[in-house]
PDB file of all heavy atoms in Angstrom:
ATOM      1  N   VAL A   1     -44.074  45.107  37.094  1.00  0.00           N
ATOM      2  CA  VAL A   1     -43.057  44.228  36.329  1.00  0.00           C
ATOM      3  C   VAL A   1     -43.278  44.585  34.878  1.00  0.00           C
ATOM      4  O   VAL A   1     -44.410  44.355  34.294  1.00  0.00           O
ATOM      5  CB  VAL A   1     -43.365  42.695  36.636  1.00  0.00           C
ATOM      6  CG1 VAL A   1     -42.304  41.923  35.870  1.00  0.00           C
ATOM      7  CG2 VAL A   1     -43.257  42.534  38.156  1.00  0.00           C
ATOM      8  N   ILE A   2     -42.328  45.091  34.280  1.00  0.00           N
ATOM      9  CA  ILE A   2     -42.339  45.641  32.876  1.00  0.00           C
ATOM     10  C   ILE A   2     -41.412  44.827  31.951  1.00  0.00           C
ATOM     11  O   ILE A   2     -40.362  44.397  32.366  1.00  0.00           O
ATOM     12  CB  ILE A   2     -41.871  47.113  32.826  1.00  0.00           C
ATOM     13  CG1 ILE A   2     -42.592  47.915  33.921  1.00  0.00           C
ATOM     14  CG2 ILE A   2     -42.054  47.686  31.422  1.00  0.00           C
ATOM     15  CD1 ILE A   2     -44.095  48.003  33.710  1.00  0.00           C
ATOM     16  N   GLY A   3     -41.848  44.610  30.694  1.00  0.00           N
ATOM     17  CA  GLY A   3     -41.003  44.019  29.711  1.00  0.00           C
ATOM     18  C   GLY A   3     -41.563  42.656  29.239  1.00  0.00           C
ATOM     19  O   GLY A   3     -42.805  42.537  29.129  1.00  0.00           O
ATOM     20  N   ARG A   4     -40.695  41.775  28.952  1.00  0.00           N
ATOM     21  CA  ARG A   4     -41.105  40.492  28.319  1.00  0.00           C
ATOM     22  C   ARG A   4     -41.481  39.479  29.385  1.00  0.00           C
ATOM     23  O   ARG A   4     -41.155  38.253  29.146  1.00  0.00           O
ATOM     24  CB  ARG A   4     -39.996  39.964  27.424  1.00  0.00           C
ATOM     25  CG  ARG A   4     -39.709  40.931  26.296  1.00  0.00           C
ATOM     26  CD  ARG A   4     -38.546  40.341  25.477  1.00  0.00           C
ATOM     27  NE  ARG A   4     -38.190  41.380  24.568  1.00  0.00           N
ATOM     28  CZ  ARG A   4     -36.999  41.410  23.902  1.00  0.00           C
ATOM     29  NH1 ARG A   4     -36.115  40.475  24.085  1.00  0.00           N
ATOM     30  NH2 ARG A   4     -36.733  42.357  23.057  1.00  0.00           N
ATOM     31  N   CYS A   5     -42.009  39.908  30.486  1.00  0.00           N
ATOM     32  CA  CYS A   5     -42.408  38.973  31.570  1.00  0.00           C
ATOM     33  C   CYS A   5     -43.859  38.555  31.465  1.00  0.00           C
ATOM     34  O   CYS A   5     -44.648  38.901  32.340  1.00  0.00           O
ATOM     35  CB  CYS A   5     -42.073  39.596  32.849  1.00  0.00           C
ATOM     36  SG  CYS A   5     -42.647  41.341  32.869  1.00  0.00           S
ATOM     37  N   VAL A   6     -44.180  37.888  30.302  1.00  0.00           N
ATOM     38  CA  VAL A   6     -45.516  37.515  30.078  1.00  0.00           C
ATOM     39  C   VAL A   6     -45.587  36.050  29.742  1.00  0.00           C
ATOM     40  O   VAL A   6     -44.575  35.366  29.362  1.00  0.00           O
ATOM     41  CB  VAL A   6     -46.201  38.293  28.871  1.00  0.00           C
ATOM     42  CG1 VAL A   6     -46.217  39.829  29.165  1.00  0.00           C
ATOM     43  CG2 VAL A   6     -45.449  38.005  27.615  1.00  0.00           C
ATOM     44  N   SER A   7     -46.755  35.506  29.843  1.00  0.00           N
ATOM     45  CA  SER A   7     -46.983  34.129  29.451  1.00  0.00           C
ATOM     46  C   SER A   7     -47.895  34.152  28.209  1.00  0.00           C
ATOM     47  O   SER A   7     -48.976  34.798  28.203  1.00  0.00           O
ATOM     48  CB  SER A   7     -47.730  33.385  30.609  1.00  0.00           C
ATOM     49  OG  SER A   7     -48.070  32.036  30.122  1.00  0.00           O
ATOM     50  N   ALA A   8     -47.441  33.518  27.093  1.00  0.00           N
ATOM     51  CA  ALA A   8     -48.210  33.498  25.865  1.00  0.00           C
ATOM     52  C   ALA A   8     -47.900  32.256  25.063  1.00  0.00           C
ATOM     53  O   ALA A   8     -46.889  31.545  25.344  1.00  0.00           O
ATOM     54  CB  ALA A   8     -47.849  34.704  24.993  1.00  0.00           C
ATOM     55  N   VAL A   9     -48.735  31.909  24.188  1.00  0.00           N
ATOM     56  CA  VAL A   9     -48.582  30.714  23.334  1.00  0.00           C
ATOM     57  C   VAL A   9     -48.815  31.135  21.839  1.00  0.00           C
ATOM     58  O   VAL A   9     -49.377  32.110  21.549  1.00  0.00           O
ATOM     59  CB  VAL A   9     -49.554  29.578  23.667  1.00  0.00           C
ATOM     60  CG1 VAL A   9     -49.247  29.049  25.049  1.00  0.00           C
ATOM     61  CG2 VAL A   9     -50.964  29.958  23.637  1.00  0.00           C
ATOM     62  N   ASP A  10     -48.196  30.306  21.021  1.00  0.00           N
ATOM     63  CA  ASP A  10     -48.413  30.464  19.565  1.00  0.00           C
ATOM     64  C   ASP A  10     -48.073  31.858  19.086  1.00  0.00           C
ATOM     65  O   ASP A  10     -47.047  32.384  19.382  1.00  0.00           O
ATOM     66  CB  ASP A  10     -49.795  29.970  19.140  1.00  0.00           C
ATOM     67  CG  ASP A  10     -50.121  28.544  19.473  1.00  0.00           C
ATOM     68  OD1 ASP A  10     -49.090  27.722  19.499  1.00  0.00           O
ATOM     69  OD2 ASP A  10     -51.158  28.217  19.881  1.00  0.00           O
ATOM     70  N   TYR A  11     -49.066  32.484  18.330  1.00  0.00           N
ATOM     71  CA  TYR A  11     -48.823  33.780  17.753  1.00  0.00           C
ATOM     72  C   TYR A  11     -48.569  34.840  18.786  1.00  0.00           C
ATOM     73  O   TYR A  11     -47.760  35.738  18.640  1.00  0.00           O
ATOM     74  CB  TYR A  11     -49.987  34.135  16.893  1.00  0.00           C
ATOM     75  CG  TYR A  11     -49.835  35.413  16.162  1.00  0.00           C
ATOM     76  CD1 TYR A  11     -48.874  35.549  15.161  1.00  0.00           C
ATOM     77  CD2 TYR A  11     -50.553  36.580  16.488  1.00  0.00           C
ATOM     78  CE1 TYR A  11     -48.683  36.719  14.446  1.00  0.00           C
ATOM     79  CE2 TYR A  11     -50.393  37.738  15.780  1.00  0.00           C
ATOM     80  CZ  TYR A  11     -49.446  37.843  14.766  1.00  0.00           C
ATOM     81  OH  TYR A  11     -49.300  39.075  14.126  1.00  0.00           O
ATOM     82  N   GLY A  12     -49.236  34.730  19.900  1.00  0.00           N
ATOM     83  CA  GLY A  12     -49.027  35.674  21.025  1.00  0.00           C
ATOM     84  C   GLY A  12     -47.641  35.725  21.458  1.00  0.00           C
ATOM     85  O   GLY A  12     -47.078  36.805  21.754  1.00  0.00           O
ATOM     86  N   TRP A  13     -46.963  34.592  21.539  1.00  0.00           N
ATOM     87  CA  TRP A  13     -45.603  34.513  21.938  1.00  0.00           C
ATOM     88  C   TRP A  13     -44.665  35.125  20.822  1.00  0.00           C
ATOM     89  O   TRP A  13     -43.749  35.907  21.135  1.00  0.00           O
ATOM     90  CB  TRP A  13     -45.054  33.121  22.221  1.00  0.00           C
ATOM     91  CG  TRP A  13     -43.650  32.977  22.322  1.00  0.00           C
ATOM     92  CD1 TRP A  13     -42.755  32.360  21.505  1.00  0.00           C
ATOM     93  CD2 TRP A  13     -42.881  33.573  23.421  1.00  0.00           C
ATOM     94  NE1 TRP A  13     -41.485  32.543  21.980  1.00  0.00           N
ATOM     95  CE2 TRP A  13     -41.449  33.238  23.174  1.00  0.00           C
ATOM     96  CE3 TRP A  13     -43.160  34.266  24.549  1.00  0.00           C
ATOM     97  CZ2 TRP A  13     -40.463  33.655  24.038  1.00  0.00           C
ATOM     98  CZ3 TRP A  13     -42.094  34.693  25.358  1.00  0.00           C
ATOM     99  CH2 TRP A  13     -40.819  34.379  25.100  1.00  0.00           C
ATOM    100  N   GLN A  14     -44.932  34.953  19.547  1.00  0.00           N
ATOM    101  CA  GLN A  14     -44.170  35.489  18.465  1.00  0.00           C
ATOM    102  C   GLN A  14     -44.197  37.049  18.556  1.00  0.00           C
ATOM    103  O   GLN A  14     -43.259  37.719  18.290  1.00  0.00           O
ATOM    104  CB  GLN A  14     -44.756  35.014  17.114  1.00  0.00           C
ATOM    105  CG  GLN A  14     -44.554  33.488  16.924  1.00  0.00           C
ATOM    106  CD  GLN A  14     -45.163  32.980  15.625  1.00  0.00           C
ATOM    107  OE1 GLN A  14     -45.689  33.811  14.843  1.00  0.00           O
ATOM    108  NE2 GLN A  14     -45.100  31.734  15.474  1.00  0.00           N
ATOM    109  N   ILE A  15     -45.347  37.578  18.852  1.00  0.00           N
ATOM    110  CA  ILE A  15     -45.483  39.107  18.937  1.00  0.00           C
ATOM    111  C   ILE A  15     -44.818  39.636  20.191  1.00  0.00           C
ATOM    112  O   ILE A  15     -44.074  40.624  20.048  1.00  0.00           O
ATOM    113  CB  ILE A  15     -47.028  39.464  18.889  1.00  0.00           C
ATOM    114  CG1 ILE A  15     -47.655  39.121  17.576  1.00  0.00           C
ATOM    115  CG2 ILE A  15     -47.102  40.892  19.237  1.00  0.00           C
ATOM    116  CD1 ILE A  15     -46.999  39.775  16.374  1.00  0.00           C
ATOM    117  N   THR A  16     -44.959  39.013  21.336  1.00  0.00           N
ATOM    118  CA  THR A  16     -44.526  39.644  22.571  1.00  0.00           C
ATOM    119  C   THR A  16     -42.970  39.491  22.667  1.00  0.00           C
ATOM    120  O   THR A  16     -42.431  40.273  23.461  1.00  0.00           O
ATOM    121  CB  THR A  16     -45.121  39.017  23.835  1.00  0.00           C
ATOM    122  OG1 THR A  16     -44.774  37.529  23.765  1.00  0.00           O
ATOM    123  CG2 THR A  16     -46.593  39.203  23.856  1.00  0.00           C
ATOM    124  N   ARG A  17     -42.339  38.696  21.891  1.00  0.00           N
ATOM    125  CA  ARG A  17     -40.914  38.594  22.049  1.00  0.00           C
ATOM    126  C   ARG A  17     -40.089  39.678  21.274  1.00  0.00           C
ATOM    127  O   ARG A  17     -38.916  39.790  21.388  1.00  0.00           O
ATOM    128  CB  ARG A  17     -40.349  37.233  21.571  1.00  0.00           C
ATOM    129  CG  ARG A  17     -40.550  36.938  20.136  1.00  0.00           C
ATOM    130  CD  ARG A  17     -40.085  35.474  19.790  1.00  0.00           C
ATOM    131  NE  ARG A  17     -40.107  35.321  18.456  1.00  0.00           N
ATOM    132  CZ  ARG A  17     -39.137  35.585  17.522  1.00  0.00           C
ATOM    133  NH1 ARG A  17     -38.045  36.134  18.040  1.00  0.00           N
ATOM    134  NH2 ARG A  17     -39.282  35.336  16.258  1.00  0.00           N
ATOM    135  N   LEU A  18     -40.852  40.463  20.514  1.00  0.00           N
ATOM    136  CA  LEU A  18     -40.272  41.520  19.663  1.00  0.00           C
ATOM    137  C   LEU A  18     -40.118  42.804  20.547  1.00  0.00           C
ATOM    138  O   LEU A  18     -40.735  42.982  21.579  1.00  0.00           O
ATOM    139  CB  LEU A  18     -41.144  41.847  18.513  1.00  0.00           C
ATOM    140  CG  LEU A  18     -41.335  40.675  17.546  1.00  0.00           C
ATOM    141  CD1 LEU A  18     -42.329  40.996  16.482  1.00  0.00           C
ATOM    142  CD2 LEU A  18     -40.041  40.197  16.945  1.00  0.00           C
ATOM    143  N   ILE A  19     -39.179  43.675  20.101  1.00  0.00           N
ATOM    144  CA  ILE A  19     -38.899  44.813  20.948  1.00  0.00           C
ATOM    145  C   ILE A  19     -40.072  45.827  20.994  1.00  0.00           C
ATOM    146  O   ILE A  19     -40.277  46.400  22.132  1.00  0.00           O
ATOM    147  CB  ILE A  19     -37.596  45.556  20.350  1.00  0.00           C
ATOM    148  CG1 ILE A  19     -36.424  44.586  20.633  1.00  0.00           C
ATOM    149  CG2 ILE A  19     -37.364  46.913  20.914  1.00  0.00           C
ATOM    150  CD1 ILE A  19     -35.113  45.052  19.929  1.00  0.00           C
ATOM    151  N   PRO A  20     -40.762  46.224  19.894  1.00  0.00           N
ATOM    152  CA  PRO A  20     -41.757  47.154  20.138  1.00  0.00           C
ATOM    153  C   PRO A  20     -42.909  46.855  21.157  1.00  0.00           C
ATOM    154  O   PRO A  20     -43.233  47.684  21.999  1.00  0.00           O
ATOM    155  CB  PRO A  20     -42.417  47.373  18.684  1.00  0.00           C
ATOM    156  CG  PRO A  20     -41.233  47.013  17.839  1.00  0.00           C
ATOM    157  CD  PRO A  20     -40.510  45.905  18.570  1.00  0.00           C
ATOM    158  N   PRO A  21     -43.396  45.622  21.126  1.00  0.00           N
ATOM    159  CA  PRO A  21     -44.348  45.338  22.224  1.00  0.00           C
ATOM    160  C   PRO A  21     -43.750  45.323  23.650  1.00  0.00           C
ATOM    161  O   PRO A  21     -44.383  45.770  24.573  1.00  0.00           O
ATOM    162  CB  PRO A  21     -44.871  43.939  21.850  1.00  0.00           C
ATOM    163  CG  PRO A  21     -44.648  43.790  20.422  1.00  0.00           C
ATOM    164  CD  PRO A  21     -43.341  44.555  20.149  1.00  0.00           C
ATOM    165  N   ALA A  22     -42.454  45.026  23.743  1.00  0.00           N
ATOM    166  CA  ALA A  22     -41.819  45.054  25.047  1.00  0.00           C
ATOM    167  C   ALA A  22     -41.706  46.508  25.454  1.00  0.00           C
ATOM    168  O   ALA A  22     -41.873  46.840  26.615  1.00  0.00           O
ATOM    169  CB  ALA A  22     -40.465  44.336  24.955  1.00  0.00           C
ATOM    170  N   ALA A  23     -41.342  47.361  24.512  1.00  0.00           N
ATOM    171  CA  ALA A  23     -41.248  48.792  24.849  1.00  0.00           C
ATOM    172  C   ALA A  23     -42.589  49.335  25.219  1.00  0.00           C
ATOM    173  O   ALA A  23     -42.652  50.230  26.152  1.00  0.00           O
ATOM    174  CB  ALA A  23     -40.622  49.514  23.679  1.00  0.00           C
ATOM    175  N   LEU A  24     -43.611  48.950  24.604  1.00  0.00           N
ATOM    176  CA  LEU A  24     -45.022  49.420  24.888  1.00  0.00           C
ATOM    177  C   LEU A  24     -45.336  49.069  26.352  1.00  0.00           C
ATOM    178  O   LEU A  24     -45.921  49.858  27.047  1.00  0.00           O
ATOM    179  CB  LEU A  24     -45.947  48.796  23.908  1.00  0.00           C
ATOM    180  CG  LEU A  24     -47.456  49.207  24.162  1.00  0.00           C
ATOM    181  CD1 LEU A  24     -47.574  50.695  23.993  1.00  0.00           C
ATOM    182  CD2 LEU A  24     -48.323  48.438  23.196  1.00  0.00           C
ATOM    183  N   THR A  25     -44.921  47.908  26.848  1.00  0.00           N
ATOM    184  CA  THR A  25     -45.218  47.650  28.212  1.00  0.00           C
ATOM    185  C   THR A  25     -44.530  48.635  29.136  1.00  0.00           C
ATOM    186  O   THR A  25     -45.112  48.955  30.209  1.00  0.00           O
ATOM    187  CB  THR A  25     -44.784  46.150  28.571  1.00  0.00           C
ATOM    188  OG1 THR A  25     -43.317  46.084  28.538  1.00  0.00           O
ATOM    189  CG2 THR A  25     -45.499  45.097  27.767  1.00  0.00           C
ATOM    190  N   GLY A  26     -43.448  49.082  28.719  1.00  0.00           N
ATOM    191  CA  GLY A  26     -42.730  50.096  29.520  1.00  0.00           C
ATOM    192  C   GLY A  26     -43.484  51.431  29.616  1.00  0.00           C
ATOM    193  O   GLY A  26     -43.592  52.092  30.610  1.00  0.00           O
ATOM    194  N   GLN A  27     -43.989  51.836  28.404  1.00  0.00           N
ATOM    195  CA  GLN A  27     -44.780  52.992  28.348  1.00  0.00           C
ATOM    196  C   GLN A  27     -46.035  52.928  29.196  1.00  0.00           C
ATOM    197  O   GLN A  27     -46.380  53.829  29.912  1.00  0.00           O
ATOM    198  CB  GLN A  27     -45.164  53.276  26.849  1.00  0.00           C
ATOM    199  CG  GLN A  27     -44.035  53.831  26.058  1.00  0.00           C
ATOM    200  CD  GLN A  27     -44.599  54.095  24.611  1.00  0.00           C
ATOM    201  OE1 GLN A  27     -44.860  53.145  23.874  1.00  0.00           O
ATOM    202  NE2 GLN A  27     -44.622  55.342  24.293  1.00  0.00           N
ATOM    203  N   ILE A  28     -46.737  51.788  29.038  1.00  0.00           N
ATOM    204  CA  ILE A  28     -47.967  51.507  29.821  1.00  0.00           C
ATOM    205  C   ILE A  28     -47.695  51.483  31.379  1.00  0.00           C
ATOM    206  O   ILE A  28     -48.370  52.057  32.086  1.00  0.00           O
ATOM    207  CB  ILE A  28     -48.705  50.295  29.365  1.00  0.00           C
ATOM    208  CG1 ILE A  28     -49.079  50.372  27.927  1.00  0.00           C
ATOM    209  CG2 ILE A  28     -49.930  50.061  30.267  1.00  0.00           C
ATOM    210  CD1 ILE A  28     -49.988  51.580  27.575  1.00  0.00           C
ATOM    211  N   GLY A  29     -46.524  50.827  31.716  1.00  0.00           N
ATOM    212  CA  GLY A  29     -46.165  50.831  33.134  1.00  0.00           C
ATOM    213  C   GLY A  29     -45.861  52.216  33.697  1.00  0.00           C
ATOM    214  O   GLY A  29     -46.228  52.533  34.755  1.00  0.00           O
ATOM    215  N   GLY A  30     -45.211  52.992  32.842  1.00  0.00           N
ATOM    216  CA  GLY A  30     -44.963  54.459  33.313  1.00  0.00           C
ATOM    217  C   GLY A  30     -46.216  55.209  33.399  1.00  0.00           C
ATOM    218  O   GLY A  30     -46.297  55.984  34.410  1.00  0.00           O
ATOM    219  N   ILE A  31     -47.086  55.008  32.564  1.00  0.00           N
ATOM    220  CA  ILE A  31     -48.412  55.653  32.675  1.00  0.00           C
ATOM    221  C   ILE A  31     -49.224  55.219  33.901  1.00  0.00           C
ATOM    222  O   ILE A  31     -49.693  56.013  34.674  1.00  0.00           O
ATOM    223  CB  ILE A  31     -49.297  55.401  31.381  1.00  0.00           C
ATOM    224  CG1 ILE A  31     -48.704  56.237  30.227  1.00  0.00           C
ATOM    225  CG2 ILE A  31     -50.809  55.794  31.614  1.00  0.00           C
ATOM    226  CD1 ILE A  31     -49.348  55.816  28.830  1.00  0.00           C
ATOM    227  N   ALA A  32     -49.202  53.889  34.178  1.00  0.00           N
ATOM    228  CA  ALA A  32     -49.814  53.430  35.364  1.00  0.00           C
ATOM    229  C   ALA A  32     -49.096  53.931  36.635  1.00  0.00           C
ATOM    230  O   ALA A  32     -49.813  54.310  37.600  1.00  0.00           O
ATOM    231  CB  ALA A  32     -49.804  51.825  35.357  1.00  0.00           C
ATOM    232  N   ALA A  33     -47.812  53.966  36.665  1.00  0.00           N
ATOM    233  CA  ALA A  33     -47.074  54.485  37.841  1.00  0.00           C
ATOM    234  C   ALA A  33     -47.542  56.012  38.066  1.00  0.00           C
ATOM    235  O   ALA A  33     -47.734  56.362  39.193  1.00  0.00           O
ATOM    236  CB  ALA A  33     -45.618  54.396  37.626  1.00  0.00           C
ATOM    237  N   ASN A  34     -47.591  56.726  36.965  1.00  0.00           N
ATOM    238  CA  ASN A  34     -47.909  58.182  37.129  1.00  0.00           C
ATOM    239  C   ASN A  34     -49.368  58.249  37.673  1.00  0.00           C
ATOM    240  O   ASN A  34     -49.616  59.155  38.583  1.00  0.00           O
ATOM    241  CB  ASN A  34     -47.747  58.823  35.776  1.00  0.00           C
ATOM    242  CG  ASN A  34     -47.979  60.401  35.861  1.00  0.00           C
ATOM    243  OD1 ASN A  34     -47.419  61.002  36.727  1.00  0.00           O
ATOM    244  ND2 ASN A  34     -48.795  60.926  34.981  1.00  0.00           N
ATOM    245  N   LEU A  35     -50.348  57.545  37.066  1.00  0.00           N
ATOM    246  CA  LEU A  35     -51.629  57.660  37.588  1.00  0.00           C
ATOM    247  C   LEU A  35     -51.809  57.241  39.063  1.00  0.00           C
ATOM    248  O   LEU A  35     -52.462  57.867  39.841  1.00  0.00           O
ATOM    249  CB  LEU A  35     -52.567  56.709  36.774  1.00  0.00           C
ATOM    250  CG  LEU A  35     -52.826  57.141  35.279  1.00  0.00           C
ATOM    251  CD1 LEU A  35     -53.635  56.116  34.574  1.00  0.00           C
ATOM    252  CD2 LEU A  35     -53.599  58.506  35.345  1.00  0.00           C
ATOM    253  N   ALA A  36     -50.917  56.203  39.449  1.00  0.00           N
ATOM    254  CA  ALA A  36     -51.063  55.766  40.884  1.00  0.00           C
ATOM    255  C   ALA A  36     -50.494  56.895  41.778  1.00  0.00           C
ATOM    256  O   ALA A  36     -51.045  57.192  42.790  1.00  0.00           O
ATOM    257  CB  ALA A  36     -50.212  54.499  41.029  1.00  0.00           C
ATOM    258  N   ILE A  37     -49.422  57.569  41.364  1.00  0.00           N
ATOM    259  CA  ILE A  37     -48.841  58.670  42.140  1.00  0.00           C
ATOM    260  C   ILE A  37     -49.831  59.791  42.218  1.00  0.00           C
ATOM    261  O   ILE A  37     -50.094  60.375  43.346  1.00  0.00           O
ATOM    262  CB  ILE A  37     -47.479  59.126  41.573  1.00  0.00           C
ATOM    263  CG1 ILE A  37     -46.450  58.014  41.752  1.00  0.00           C
ATOM    264  CG2 ILE A  37     -47.098  60.391  42.168  1.00  0.00           C
ATOM    265  CD1 ILE A  37     -45.156  58.257  40.922  1.00  0.00           C
ATOM    266  N   GLN A  38     -50.439  60.130  41.092  1.00  0.00           N
ATOM    267  CA  GLN A  38     -51.358  61.253  41.049  1.00  0.00           C
ATOM    268  C   GLN A  38     -52.589  60.977  41.968  1.00  0.00           C
ATOM    269  O   GLN A  38     -53.030  61.840  42.603  1.00  0.00           O
ATOM    270  CB  GLN A  38     -51.802  61.562  39.634  1.00  0.00           C
ATOM    271  CG  GLN A  38     -50.795  62.231  38.780  1.00  0.00           C
ATOM    272  CD  GLN A  38     -51.270  62.462  37.358  1.00  0.00           C
ATOM    273  OE1 GLN A  38     -52.383  62.043  36.978  1.00  0.00           O
ATOM    274  NE2 GLN A  38     -50.456  63.234  36.624  1.00  0.00           N
ATOM    275  N   GLY A  39     -52.986  59.690  41.917  1.00  0.00           N
ATOM    276  CA  GLY A  39     -54.187  59.250  42.653  1.00  0.00           C
ATOM    277  C   GLY A  39     -53.840  58.908  44.118  1.00  0.00           C
ATOM    278  O   GLY A  39     -54.816  58.435  44.839  1.00  0.00           O
ATOM    279  N   LYS A  40     -52.613  58.948  44.422  1.00  0.00           N
ATOM    280  CA  LYS A  40     -52.185  58.508  45.813  1.00  0.00           C
ATOM    281  C   LYS A  40     -52.697  57.165  46.210  1.00  0.00           C
ATOM    282  O   LYS A  40     -53.284  56.932  47.222  1.00  0.00           O
ATOM    283  CB  LYS A  40     -52.602  59.555  46.848  1.00  0.00           C
ATOM    284  CG  LYS A  40     -51.927  60.883  46.619  1.00  0.00           C
ATOM    285  CD  LYS A  40     -52.303  61.807  47.765  1.00  0.00           C
ATOM    286  CE  LYS A  40     -51.488  63.101  47.570  1.00  0.00           C
ATOM    287  NZ  LYS A  40     -51.856  64.332  47.395  1.00  0.00           N
ATOM    288  N   THR A  41     -52.450  56.249  45.273  1.00  0.00           N
ATOM    289  CA  THR A  41     -52.877  54.837  45.427  1.00  0.00           C
ATOM    290  C   THR A  41     -51.787  53.945  44.901  1.00  0.00           C
ATOM    291  O   THR A  41     -50.715  54.453  44.435  1.00  0.00           O
ATOM    292  CB  THR A  41     -54.160  54.600  44.663  1.00  0.00           C
ATOM    293  OG1 THR A  41     -54.642  53.314  45.040  1.00  0.00           O
ATOM    294  CG2 THR A  41     -54.071  54.732  43.168  1.00  0.00           C
ATOM    295  N   SER A  42     -51.984  52.639  44.875  1.00  0.00           N
ATOM    296  CA  SER A  42     -50.965  51.692  44.380  1.00  0.00           C
ATOM    297  C   SER A  42     -51.551  51.252  42.986  1.00  0.00           C
ATOM    298  O   SER A  42     -52.694  51.258  42.641  1.00  0.00           O
ATOM    299  CB  SER A  42     -50.889  50.497  45.343  1.00  0.00           C
ATOM    300  OG  SER A  42     -52.154  49.820  45.489  1.00  0.00           O
ATOM    301  N   PRO A  43     -50.564  50.837  42.146  1.00  0.00           N
ATOM    302  CA  PRO A  43     -50.965  50.489  40.743  1.00  0.00           C
ATOM    303  C   PRO A  43     -52.070  49.425  40.654  1.00  0.00           C
ATOM    304  O   PRO A  43     -52.865  49.390  39.792  1.00  0.00           O
ATOM    305  CB  PRO A  43     -49.630  50.012  40.178  1.00  0.00           C
ATOM    306  CG  PRO A  43     -48.593  50.711  40.926  1.00  0.00           C
ATOM    307  CD  PRO A  43     -49.153  50.800  42.294  1.00  0.00           C
ATOM    308  N   ASP A  44     -52.021  48.432  41.619  1.00  0.00           N
ATOM    309  CA  ASP A  44     -53.015  47.393  41.593  1.00  0.00           C
ATOM    310  C   ASP A  44     -54.406  47.830  41.898  1.00  0.00           C
ATOM    311  O   ASP A  44     -55.419  47.133  41.656  1.00  0.00           O
ATOM    312  CB  ASP A  44     -52.632  46.252  42.494  1.00  0.00           C
ATOM    313  CG  ASP A  44     -52.573  46.675  43.905  1.00  0.00           C
ATOM    314  OD1 ASP A  44     -52.106  47.783  44.263  1.00  0.00           O
ATOM    315  OD2 ASP A  44     -53.091  45.904  44.777  1.00  0.00           O
TER     316      ASP A  44
END
C-alpha cells in the first residue's frame, strides 16, 4: 500500500500530507517490490 495511507499526528501529519514524502513512499515501495521479486519472496 503506497502513498498517503499512514497514521500520524501533529508535525508528522503536516509532513506526510505533502507530495514529496508521498512520492518517496512510491519509490520505496518499488524498491521493496523489486527486492521481493529478486529474492523470490513476499514483501512482508
